[in-house]
């Protein structure tokens, strides 16, 4: 059995048009999640490495929501926080940790194949090095068994280091929905970790929130939760 650290009413992996490659503004997201019953969200836009690589325009100053806290939720009672999806850069475990030079306390560690430029055969060691370096800054590992980045992932070695630092993994509902997850590796990893997971939408468009139930259903069908 595993312990899900967020509820069906919480989502901690969301992207906006303000700071990365989401299709909706922060205000549109917040207004919508209030209507569908979410109680807490964390908007975790991609790191500066993705913004630069994808030629994403700088739309808003990050300092407005992080440094100066000018933005407030004026729409509903949803608790809204801001984080960052850190990018794994190389086999040494170095990561891009910021957006516009600003870091956040809540961070996802993820690997994206267009940002990680090194040999994927060494992806396990890259993750392990990053976790040793930044374990106290990582909330969870994002889409760890995503097709395209997990082909050479050694789940036993990953489980060992995740258990060493008590770092959860993510059940990514978007990649489950599009059959973009290596389910054999995900199931094996779930059987080896100490039982902490987050279930998130990885939202880039409002419709992505409709896939969230699939993550909870998957865990239940596989017997990882009751």
C-alpha atoms as a PDB file:
ATOM      1  CA  UNK A   1       0.000   0.000   0.000  1.00  0.00           C
ATOM      2  CA  UNK A   2       1.118   3.571  -0.638  1.00  0.00           C
ATOM      3  CA  UNK A   3       0.199   6.836   1.001  1.00  0.00           C
ATOM      4  CA  UNK A   4      -1.116   9.567  -1.292  1.00  0.00           C
ATOM      5  CA  UNK A   5       0.095  12.889   0.087  1.00  0.00           C
ATOM      6  CA  UNK A   6      -2.530  15.024  -1.636  1.00  0.00           C
ATOM      7  CA  UNK A   7      -6.274  14.533  -2.019  1.00  0.00           C
ATOM      8  CA  UNK A   8      -8.539  14.618  -5.055  1.00  0.00           C
ATOM      9  CA  UNK A   9      -9.098  18.269  -4.115  1.00  0.00           C
ATOM     10  CA  UNK A  10      -5.416  19.229  -4.420  1.00  0.00           C
ATOM     11  CA  UNK A  11      -3.108  19.473  -7.437  1.00  0.00           C
ATOM     12  CA  UNK A  12       0.571  20.341  -7.165  1.00  0.00           C
ATOM     13  CA  UNK A  13       1.757  20.207 -10.792  1.00  0.00           C
ATOM     14  CA  UNK A  14       0.251  23.022 -12.879  1.00  0.00           C
ATOM     15  CA  UNK A  15       1.597  25.251 -15.661  1.00  0.00           C
ATOM     16  CA  UNK A  16       0.466  28.758 -16.585  1.00  0.00           C
ATOM     17  CA  UNK A  17       0.874  30.983 -19.614  1.00  0.00           C
ATOM     18  CA  UNK A  18       2.264  33.682 -17.314  1.00  0.00           C
ATOM     19  CA  UNK A  19       5.583  31.916 -16.780  1.00  0.00           C
ATOM     20  CA  UNK A  20       5.904  28.874 -19.042  1.00  0.00           C
ATOM     21  CA  UNK A  21       3.980  26.785 -21.558  1.00  0.00           C
ATOM     22  CA  UNK A  22       0.481  26.529 -20.113  1.00  0.00           C
ATOM     23  CA  UNK A  23      -2.459  27.798 -22.157  1.00  0.00           C
ATOM     24  CA  UNK A  24      -4.186  29.672 -19.338  1.00  0.00           C
ATOM     25  CA  UNK A  25      -3.401  32.563 -17.031  1.00  0.00           C
ATOM     26  CA  UNK A  26      -3.026  32.134 -13.302  1.00  0.00           C
ATOM     27  CA  UNK A  27      -6.362  33.857 -12.770  1.00  0.00           C
ATOM     28  CA  UNK A  28      -8.145  31.634 -15.296  1.00  0.00           C
ATOM     29  CA  UNK A  29      -6.701  28.547 -13.608  1.00  0.00           C
ATOM     30  CA  UNK A  30      -7.687  29.678 -10.128  1.00  0.00           C
ATOM     31  CA  UNK A  31     -11.209  30.614 -11.156  1.00  0.00           C
ATOM     32  CA  UNK A  32     -11.696  27.274 -12.912  1.00  0.00           C
ATOM     33  CA  UNK A  33     -10.327  25.037 -10.155  1.00  0.00           C
ATOM     34  CA  UNK A  34     -12.681  26.742  -7.730  1.00  0.00           C
ATOM     35  CA  UNK A  35     -15.610  25.778  -9.941  1.00  0.00           C
ATOM     36  CA  UNK A  36     -14.549  22.120 -10.114  1.00  0.00           C
ATOM     37  CA  UNK A  37     -14.025  21.788  -6.366  1.00  0.00           C
ATOM     38  CA  UNK A  38     -10.280  21.960  -5.810  1.00  0.00           C
ATOM     39  CA  UNK A  39      -9.200  23.418  -2.479  1.00  0.00           C
ATOM     40  CA  UNK A  40      -5.427  23.846  -2.903  1.00  0.00           C
ATOM     41  CA  UNK A  41      -3.121  24.141  -5.901  1.00  0.00           C
ATOM     42  CA  UNK A  42       0.545  24.825  -6.509  1.00  0.00           C
ATOM     43  CA  UNK A  43       1.412  26.440  -9.831  1.00  0.00           C
ATOM     44  CA  UNK A  44       4.756  24.907 -10.760  1.00  0.00           C
ATOM     45  CA  UNK A  45       5.919  26.492 -13.988  1.00  0.00           C
ATOM     46  CA  UNK A  46       8.904  25.147 -15.901  1.00  0.00           C
ATOM     47  CA  UNK A  47      12.418  26.286 -15.099  1.00  0.00           C
ATOM     48  CA  UNK A  48      14.280  28.939 -17.053  1.00  0.00           C
ATOM     49  CA  UNK A  49      16.003  26.199 -19.072  1.00  0.00           C
ATOM     50  CA  UNK A  50      12.674  25.251 -20.662  1.00  0.00           C
ATOM     51  CA  UNK A  51      11.649  28.868 -21.141  1.00  0.00           C
ATOM     52  CA  UNK A  52      14.904  29.595 -22.984  1.00  0.00           C
ATOM     53  CA  UNK A  53      14.945  26.339 -24.966  1.00  0.00           C
ATOM     54  CA  UNK A  54      11.342  26.744 -26.167  1.00  0.00           C
ATOM     55  CA  UNK A  55      11.672  30.468 -26.900  1.00  0.00           C
ATOM     56  CA  UNK A  56       8.802  31.218 -24.544  1.00  0.00           C
ATOM     57  CA  UNK A  57       8.170  34.923 -24.228  1.00  0.00           C
ATOM     58  CA  UNK A  58       8.641  36.613 -20.886  1.00  0.00           C
ATOM     59  CA  UNK A  59       5.060  37.578 -20.090  1.00  0.00           C
ATOM     60  CA  UNK A  60       5.179  38.473 -16.405  1.00  0.00           C
ATOM     61  CA  UNK A  61       7.798  39.384 -13.842  1.00  0.00           C
ATOM     62  CA  UNK A  62       8.275  36.449 -11.471  1.00  0.00           C
ATOM     63  CA  UNK A  63       8.949  38.867  -8.645  1.00  0.00           C
ATOM     64  CA  UNK A  64       5.299  39.935  -8.743  1.00  0.00           C
ATOM     65  CA  UNK A  65       4.143  36.590  -7.335  1.00  0.00           C
ATOM     66  CA  UNK A  66       7.237  35.464  -5.399  1.00  0.00           C
ATOM     67  CA  UNK A  67       9.224  38.430  -4.098  1.00  0.00           C
ATOM     68  CA  UNK A  68       6.518  41.052  -3.685  1.00  0.00           C
ATOM     69  CA  UNK A  69       3.412  38.841  -3.434  1.00  0.00           C
ATOM     70  CA  UNK A  70       1.409  41.349  -5.450  1.00  0.00           C
ATOM     71  CA  UNK A  71      -0.857  38.638  -6.846  1.00  0.00           C
ATOM     72  CA  UNK A  72      -3.748  37.555  -4.633  1.00  0.00           C
ATOM     73  CA  UNK A  73      -6.605  35.148  -5.204  1.00  0.00           C
ATOM     74  CA  UNK A  74      -9.601  37.447  -5.631  1.00  0.00           C
ATOM     75  CA  UNK A  75     -11.851  34.742  -7.111  1.00  0.00           C
ATOM     76  CA  UNK A  76     -12.555  32.138  -4.429  1.00  0.00           C
ATOM     77  CA  UNK A  77     -11.183  30.359  -1.355  1.00  0.00           C
ATOM     78  CA  UNK A  78      -8.736  28.073  -3.164  1.00  0.00           C
ATOM     79  CA  UNK A  79      -5.311  28.138  -1.523  1.00  0.00           C
ATOM     80  CA  UNK A  80      -2.805  29.054  -4.223  1.00  0.00           C
ATOM     81  CA  UNK A  81       0.956  28.633  -3.883  1.00  0.00           C
ATOM     82  CA  UNK A  82       3.801  28.925  -6.392  1.00  0.00           C
ATOM     83  CA  UNK A  83       6.607  26.463  -7.060  1.00  0.00           C
ATOM     84  CA  UNK A  84       9.013  25.472  -9.814  1.00  0.00           C
ATOM     85  CA  UNK A  85       9.539  22.376 -11.925  1.00  0.00           C
ATOM     86  CA  UNK A  86      13.307  22.018 -11.793  1.00  0.00           C
ATOM     87  CA  UNK A  87      15.019  20.494 -14.800  1.00  0.00           C
ATOM     88  CA  UNK A  88      17.664  17.821 -14.668  1.00  0.00           C
ATOM     89  CA  UNK A  89      20.473  19.084 -16.920  1.00  0.00           C
ATOM     90  CA  UNK A  90      23.300  16.554 -16.960  1.00  0.00           C
ATOM     91  CA  UNK A  91      24.821  13.371 -15.600  1.00  0.00           C
ATOM     92  CA  UNK A  92      26.404  15.274 -12.720  1.00  0.00           C
ATOM     93  CA  UNK A  93      22.926  15.959 -11.383  1.00  0.00           C
ATOM     94  CA  UNK A  94      23.020  19.697 -12.011  1.00  0.00           C
ATOM     95  CA  UNK A  95      19.599  21.298 -12.354  1.00  0.00           C
ATOM     96  CA  UNK A  96      18.047  24.518 -13.543  1.00  0.00           C
ATOM     97  CA  UNK A  97      16.370  25.685 -10.360  1.00  0.00           C
ATOM     98  CA  UNK A  98      14.931  29.093 -11.157  1.00  0.00           C
ATOM     99  CA  UNK A  99      12.548  31.168 -13.216  1.00  0.00           C
ATOM    100  CA  UNK A 100      13.955  34.608 -14.021  1.00  0.00           C
ATOM    101  CA  UNK A 101      16.638  34.009 -11.400  1.00  0.00           C
ATOM    102  CA  UNK A 102      14.111  33.387  -8.632  1.00  0.00           C
ATOM    103  CA  UNK A 103      13.879  30.044  -6.810  1.00  0.00           C
ATOM    104  CA  UNK A 104      10.946  28.726  -4.785  1.00  0.00           C
ATOM    105  CA  UNK A 105      10.689  26.551  -1.711  1.00  0.00           C
ATOM    106  CA  UNK A 106       8.405  24.006  -3.419  1.00  0.00           C
ATOM    107  CA  UNK A 107      10.216  22.214  -6.245  1.00  0.00           C
ATOM    108  CA  UNK A 108       9.521  19.253  -8.487  1.00  0.00           C
ATOM    109  CA  UNK A 109      12.541  17.496  -9.972  1.00  0.00           C
ATOM    110  CA  UNK A 110      11.846  16.353 -13.541  1.00  0.00           C
ATOM    111  CA  UNK A 111      13.685  15.180 -16.610  1.00  0.00           C
ATOM    112  CA  UNK A 112      12.619  16.470 -20.039  1.00  0.00           C
ATOM    113  CA  UNK A 113      14.352  14.876 -23.007  1.00  0.00           C
ATOM    114  CA  UNK A 114      14.778  18.184 -24.852  1.00  0.00           C
ATOM    115  CA  UNK A 115      16.544  19.747 -21.837  1.00  0.00           C
ATOM    116  CA  UNK A 116      18.611  16.826 -20.541  1.00  0.00           C
ATOM    117  CA  UNK A 117      21.277  16.659 -23.235  1.00  0.00           C
ATOM    118  CA  UNK A 118      23.403  13.782 -21.970  1.00  0.00           C
ATOM    119  CA  UNK A 119      23.239  10.048 -22.581  1.00  0.00           C
ATOM    120  CA  UNK A 120      19.931   8.645 -21.352  1.00  0.00           C
ATOM    121  CA  UNK A 121      21.708   5.388 -20.543  1.00  0.00           C
ATOM    122  CA  UNK A 122      23.100   7.266 -17.518  1.00  0.00           C
ATOM    123  CA  UNK A 123      19.776   8.799 -16.452  1.00  0.00           C
ATOM    124  CA  UNK A 124      19.631   6.818 -13.207  1.00  0.00           C
ATOM    125  CA  UNK A 125      22.974   8.161 -12.019  1.00  0.00           C
ATOM    126  CA  UNK A 126      21.945  11.669 -13.074  1.00  0.00           C
ATOM    127  CA  UNK A 127      18.832  11.426 -10.891  1.00  0.00           C
ATOM    128  CA  UNK A 128      20.818   9.969  -8.003  1.00  0.00           C
ATOM    129  CA  UNK A 129      23.431  12.728  -8.189  1.00  0.00           C
ATOM    130  CA  UNK A 130      20.708  15.388  -8.277  1.00  0.00           C
ATOM    131  CA  UNK A 131      18.924  13.865  -5.295  1.00  0.00           C
ATOM    132  CA  UNK A 132      22.137  13.737  -3.268  1.00  0.00           C
ATOM    133  CA  UNK A 133      22.721  17.424  -4.082  1.00  0.00           C
ATOM    134  CA  UNK A 134      19.207  18.804  -3.701  1.00  0.00           C
ATOM    135  CA  UNK A 135      17.250  16.307  -1.622  1.00  0.00           C
ATOM    136  CA  UNK A 136      16.235  18.932   0.920  1.00  0.00           C
ATOM    137  CA  UNK A 137      14.727  21.054  -1.872  1.00  0.00           C
ATOM    138  CA  UNK A 138      12.775  18.362  -3.761  1.00  0.00           C
ATOM    139  CA  UNK A 139       9.082  17.924  -2.983  1.00  0.00           C
ATOM    140  CA  UNK A 140       8.736  14.961  -5.350  1.00  0.00           C
ATOM    141  CA  UNK A 141      10.039  13.487  -8.606  1.00  0.00           C
ATOM    142  CA  UNK A 142       7.820  14.414 -11.553  1.00  0.00           C
ATOM    143  CA  UNK A 143       6.663  11.865 -14.189  1.00  0.00           C
ATOM    144  CA  UNK A 144       9.599   9.630 -13.313  1.00  0.00           C
ATOM    145  CA  UNK A 145       8.439   6.731 -15.513  1.00  0.00           C
ATOM    146  CA  UNK A 146       7.436   8.834 -18.507  1.00  0.00           C
ATOM    147  CA  UNK A 147       8.137   7.229 -21.871  1.00  0.00           C
ATOM    148  CA  UNK A 148      11.088   8.872 -23.557  1.00  0.00           C
ATOM    149  CA  UNK A 149      13.104   9.515 -20.412  1.00  0.00           C
ATOM    150  CA  UNK A 150      12.741   6.262 -18.458  1.00  0.00           C
ATOM    151  CA  UNK A 151      13.914   3.650 -20.955  1.00  0.00           C
ATOM    152  CA  UNK A 152      17.163   3.097 -19.065  1.00  0.00           C
ATOM    153  CA  UNK A 153      15.853   3.906 -15.588  1.00  0.00           C
ATOM    154  CA  UNK A 154      17.032   1.473 -12.914  1.00  0.00           C
ATOM    155  CA  UNK A 155      14.032   1.420 -10.596  1.00  0.00           C
ATOM    156  CA  UNK A 156      15.790  -0.553  -7.859  1.00  0.00           C
ATOM    157  CA  UNK A 157      18.578   2.022  -7.642  1.00  0.00           C
ATOM    158  CA  UNK A 158      16.050   4.857  -7.764  1.00  0.00           C
ATOM    159  CA  UNK A 159      13.942   3.314  -5.003  1.00  0.00           C
ATOM    160  CA  UNK A 160      17.024   3.019  -2.806  1.00  0.00           C
ATOM    161  CA  UNK A 161      17.929   6.701  -3.042  1.00  0.00           C
ATOM    162  CA  UNK A 162      14.305   7.844  -2.793  1.00  0.00           C
ATOM    163  CA  UNK A 163      13.881   5.801   0.367  1.00  0.00           C
ATOM    164  CA  UNK A 164      17.157   7.131   1.759  1.00  0.00           C
ATOM    165  CA  UNK A 165      15.849  10.707   1.621  1.00  0.00           C
ATOM    166  CA  UNK A 166      12.101  10.005   1.929  1.00  0.00           C
ATOM    167  CA  UNK A 167      11.342  11.641  -1.418  1.00  0.00           C
ATOM    168  CA  UNK A 168       7.936  10.854  -2.980  1.00  0.00           C
ATOM    169  CA  UNK A 169       7.224  10.201  -6.640  1.00  0.00           C
ATOM    170  CA  UNK A 170       4.414  11.547  -8.793  1.00  0.00           C
ATOM    171  CA  UNK A 171       1.548   9.696 -10.423  1.00  0.00           C
ATOM    172  CA  UNK A 172       1.215  11.894 -13.506  1.00  0.00           C
ATOM    173  CA  UNK A 173      -2.371  11.731 -14.707  1.00  0.00           C
ATOM    174  CA  UNK A 174      -1.750  13.345 -18.082  1.00  0.00           C
ATOM    175  CA  UNK A 175       0.816  10.751 -19.110  1.00  0.00           C
ATOM    176  CA  UNK A 176      -1.403   7.972 -17.786  1.00  0.00           C
ATOM    177  CA  UNK A 177      -4.235   9.327 -19.943  1.00  0.00           C
ATOM    178  CA  UNK A 178      -2.185   9.394 -23.160  1.00  0.00           C
ATOM    179  CA  UNK A 179      -0.480   6.044 -22.466  1.00  0.00           C
ATOM    180  CA  UNK A 180       2.797   7.884 -22.034  1.00  0.00           C
ATOM    181  CA  UNK A 181       3.948   6.011 -18.914  1.00  0.00           C
ATOM    182  CA  UNK A 182       6.048   2.865 -18.615  1.00  0.00           C
ATOM    183  CA  UNK A 183       3.549   1.087 -16.371  1.00  0.00           C
ATOM    184  CA  UNK A 184       5.777  -1.901 -15.713  1.00  0.00           C
ATOM    185  CA  UNK A 185       8.486   0.317 -14.266  1.00  0.00           C
ATOM    186  CA  UNK A 186       5.963   2.472 -12.415  1.00  0.00           C
ATOM    187  CA  UNK A 187       4.398  -0.567 -10.744  1.00  0.00           C
ATOM    188  CA  UNK A 188       7.788  -1.920  -9.765  1.00  0.00           C
ATOM    189  CA  UNK A 189       8.873   1.422  -8.343  1.00  0.00           C
ATOM    190  CA  UNK A 190       5.632   1.729  -6.393  1.00  0.00           C
ATOM    191  CA  UNK A 191       6.264  -1.689  -4.889  1.00  0.00           C
ATOM    192  CA  UNK A 192       9.762  -0.680  -3.757  1.00  0.00           C
ATOM    193  CA  UNK A 193       9.396   2.841  -2.393  1.00  0.00           C
ATOM    194  CA  UNK A 194       8.465   3.567   1.189  1.00  0.00           C
ATOM    195  CA  UNK A 195       4.933   4.467   0.122  1.00  0.00           C
ATOM    196  CA  UNK A 196       4.723   8.188  -0.594  1.00  0.00           C
ATOM    197  CA  UNK A 197       3.179   9.529  -3.788  1.00  0.00           C
ATOM    198  CA  UNK A 198       1.468  12.623  -5.153  1.00  0.00           C
ATOM    199  CA  UNK A 199      -1.285  12.425  -7.777  1.00  0.00           C
ATOM    200  CA  UNK A 200      -1.201  15.413 -10.129  1.00  0.00           C
ATOM    201  CA  UNK A 201      -2.594  16.558 -13.461  1.00  0.00           C
ATOM    202  CA  UNK A 202       0.550  18.153 -14.969  1.00  0.00           C
ATOM    203  CA  UNK A 203      -1.972  20.682 -16.234  1.00  0.00           C
ATOM    204  CA  UNK A 204      -1.147  22.706 -19.351  1.00  0.00           C
ATOM    205  CA  UNK A 205      -4.784  23.253 -20.400  1.00  0.00           C
ATOM    206  CA  UNK A 206      -7.929  23.389 -18.279  1.00  0.00           C
ATOM    207  CA  UNK A 207      -9.187  20.131 -19.745  1.00  0.00           C
ATOM    208  CA  UNK A 208      -6.196  18.347 -18.201  1.00  0.00           C
ATOM    209  CA  UNK A 209      -7.853  18.585 -14.795  1.00  0.00           C
ATOM    210  CA  UNK A 210     -10.461  16.087 -16.030  1.00  0.00           C
ATOM    211  CA  UNK A 211      -7.784  13.352 -16.060  1.00  0.00           C
ATOM    212  CA  UNK A 212      -6.957  13.635 -12.341  1.00  0.00           C
ATOM    213  CA  UNK A 213      -9.270  10.847 -11.201  1.00  0.00           C
ATOM    214  CA  UNK A 214      -7.376   8.411 -13.424  1.00  0.00           C
ATOM    215  CA  UNK A 215      -4.356   8.542 -11.132  1.00  0.00           C
ATOM    216  CA  UNK A 216      -6.345   7.608  -8.050  1.00  0.00           C
ATOM    217  CA  UNK A 217      -8.213   4.923 -10.021  1.00  0.00           C
ATOM    218  CA  UNK A 218      -4.945   3.443 -11.239  1.00  0.00           C
ATOM    219  CA  UNK A 219      -3.525   3.156  -7.742  1.00  0.00           C
ATOM    220  CA  UNK A 220      -6.738   1.528  -6.549  1.00  0.00           C
ATOM    221  CA  UNK A 221      -6.965  -0.926  -9.457  1.00  0.00           C
ATOM    222  CA  UNK A 222      -3.364  -2.004  -8.889  1.00  0.00           C
ATOM    223  CA  UNK A 223      -3.969  -2.486  -5.183  1.00  0.00           C
ATOM    224  CA  UNK A 224      -1.656   0.290  -4.019  1.00  0.00           C
ATOM    225  CA  UNK A 225      -4.489   2.093  -2.202  1.00  0.00           C
ATOM    226  CA  UNK A 226      -7.773   0.782  -0.814  1.00  0.00           C
END
